[in-house]
C-alpha cells in the first residue's frame, strides 16, 4: 500500500496524465498560454493560420507570396544537419472550395521518395 502522499492515489488518480480538455483528452499545459504568431484583423481576413508548436511539429516559417500561395520552410530532422523528409503542422482559417498552393522549399534528402 502506498503512503498517503503518493501523488496518483485517491482523489488525484485522474490527474495522472495531467490537464485535460472538455472531451477528456490530454492537453499540454503550456500550449494554452502560447500567443499566436498572427491574429486575424477581422472576420473577412483570409490569411491562413499555421501552427507547429507541438510535439514533432516542424514548420519553421510560412510566407504568403501571393493570393492563396505559401512558401513553407521546415526545420531539419532531429540529429541531422541538413535533411528534411517529413512535415507536420496545423493549418486553420481555411475556406471551402478554395485551392491553395504550398511550396515546401527545403524538403530534401538524398535518395528519398521526394527527389
Protein backbone atom coordinates (compact mmCIF):
# COMPACT_ATOMS: atom_id res chain seq x y z
CA UNK A 1 0.00 0.00 0.00
CA UNK A 2 1.34 3.40 -0.95
CA UNK A 3 1.62 6.19 1.54
CA UNK A 4 -0.87 8.98 1.94
CA UNK A 5 1.32 11.39 -0.07
CA UNK A 6 1.54 9.20 -3.19
CA UNK A 7 0.59 11.68 -5.95
CA UNK A 8 -1.65 9.45 -8.08
CA UNK A 9 -3.79 7.78 -5.46
CA UNK A 10 -7.21 8.62 -4.13
CA UNK A 11 -8.72 11.86 -5.50
CA UNK A 12 -5.60 12.66 -7.58
CA UNK A 13 -5.80 9.46 -9.66
CA UNK A 14 -7.48 11.32 -12.56
CA UNK A 15 -4.54 13.75 -12.74
CA UNK A 16 -2.06 11.03 -13.71
CA UNK A 17 -1.97 12.26 -17.34
CA UNK A 18 -2.04 15.95 -16.44
CA UNK A 19 -4.64 18.54 -17.51
CA UNK A 20 -7.43 17.51 -19.89
CA UNK A 21 -9.87 19.40 -22.12
CA UNK A 22 -13.69 19.15 -22.10
CA UNK A 23 -13.56 15.93 -24.15
CA UNK A 24 -11.18 14.34 -21.62
CA UNK A 25 -8.16 14.44 -23.95
CA UNK A 26 -4.78 15.35 -22.51
CA UNK A 27 -3.58 18.88 -23.29
CA UNK A 28 -0.20 20.49 -22.92
CA UNK A 29 -0.50 22.99 -20.10
CA UNK A 30 1.86 25.39 -21.88
CA UNK A 31 0.03 25.29 -25.24
CA UNK A 32 -2.93 27.26 -23.89
CA UNK A 33 -0.56 30.09 -22.89
CA UNK A 34 1.09 30.43 -26.31
CA UNK A 35 0.32 33.64 -28.12
CA UNK A 36 -0.48 33.22 -31.84
CA UNK A 37 2.07 34.44 -34.37
CA UNK A 38 -0.70 36.09 -36.39
CA UNK A 39 -4.06 37.38 -35.22
CA UNK A 40 -6.90 37.84 -37.70
CA UNK A 41 -7.64 41.52 -38.24
CA UNK A 42 -11.38 40.92 -38.80
CA UNK A 43 -13.79 38.17 -39.88
CA UNK A 44 -13.01 38.80 -43.57
CA UNK A 45 -9.29 38.18 -43.08
CA UNK A 46 -8.49 35.17 -45.32
CA UNK A 47 -4.88 34.65 -44.23
CA UNK A 48 -4.19 31.03 -43.30
CA UNK A 49 -3.01 30.42 -39.75
CA UNK A 50 -0.15 27.92 -39.35
CA UNK A 51 0.85 26.26 -36.08
CA UNK A 52 3.56 23.72 -35.31
CA UNK A 53 4.43 24.42 -31.67
CA UNK A 54 3.51 20.91 -30.57
CA UNK A 55 5.40 17.63 -30.26
CA UNK A 56 7.05 16.73 -33.60
CA UNK A 57 5.78 19.89 -35.31
CA UNK A 58 8.47 21.02 -37.72
CA UNK A 59 7.27 24.11 -39.59
CA UNK A 60 9.86 26.86 -39.17
CA UNK A 61 8.23 29.59 -41.27
CA UNK A 62 5.27 30.15 -43.60
CA UNK A 63 5.42 33.04 -46.05
CA UNK A 64 2.44 34.27 -48.05
CA UNK A 65 3.85 35.06 -51.51
CA UNK A 66 0.60 35.60 -53.38
CA UNK A 67 -3.11 35.05 -53.14
CA UNK A 68 -3.54 31.52 -51.69
CA UNK A 69 0.14 30.66 -52.31
CA UNK A 70 2.55 29.99 -49.46
CA UNK A 71 6.25 29.13 -49.22
CA UNK A 72 6.89 26.78 -46.30
CA UNK A 73 10.28 26.32 -44.66
CA UNK A 74 10.68 23.28 -42.43
CA UNK A 75 13.01 22.59 -39.51
CA UNK A 76 15.69 19.98 -40.14
CA UNK A 77 15.04 16.47 -38.86
CA UNK A 78 16.33 15.60 -35.42
CA UNK A 79 20.03 14.65 -35.27
CA UNK A 80 20.74 15.79 -38.84
CA UNK A 81 22.36 18.92 -40.18
CA UNK A 82 20.60 19.34 -43.50
CA UNK A 83 17.91 16.70 -44.06
CA UNK A 84 14.15 17.13 -44.06
CA UNK A 85 11.98 14.25 -45.19
CA UNK A 86 8.65 14.78 -43.39
CA UNK A 87 6.31 17.59 -42.40
CA UNK A 88 3.85 18.05 -39.56
CA UNK A 89 1.87 21.23 -38.83
CA UNK A 90 -1.67 22.53 -38.44
CA UNK A 91 -3.50 25.00 -40.70
CA UNK A 92 -6.66 26.88 -39.76
CA UNK A 93 -8.85 29.62 -41.26
CA UNK A 94 -9.25 27.57 -44.45
CA UNK A 95 -12.16 28.33 -46.77
CA UNK A 96 -14.29 25.79 -48.59
CA UNK A 97 -13.84 25.43 -52.37
CA UNK A 98 -10.61 27.46 -52.45
CA UNK A 99 -7.44 25.99 -53.93
CA UNK A 100 -4.23 26.66 -52.02
CA UNK A 101 -0.69 26.10 -53.21
CA UNK A 102 2.09 25.20 -50.75
CA UNK A 103 5.70 25.25 -51.91
CA UNK A 104 7.78 23.28 -49.43
CA UNK A 105 11.17 24.85 -50.01
CA UNK A 106 13.56 22.57 -48.14
CA UNK A 107 12.03 19.08 -48.24
CA UNK A 108 15.31 17.42 -49.16
CA UNK A 109 17.25 14.23 -48.51
CA UNK A 110 19.44 12.37 -50.96
CA UNK A 111 17.77 9.20 -52.23
CA UNK A 112 14.35 9.84 -50.73
CA UNK A 113 10.93 9.46 -52.29
CA UNK A 114 10.64 13.26 -52.66
CA UNK A 115 13.60 13.59 -55.08
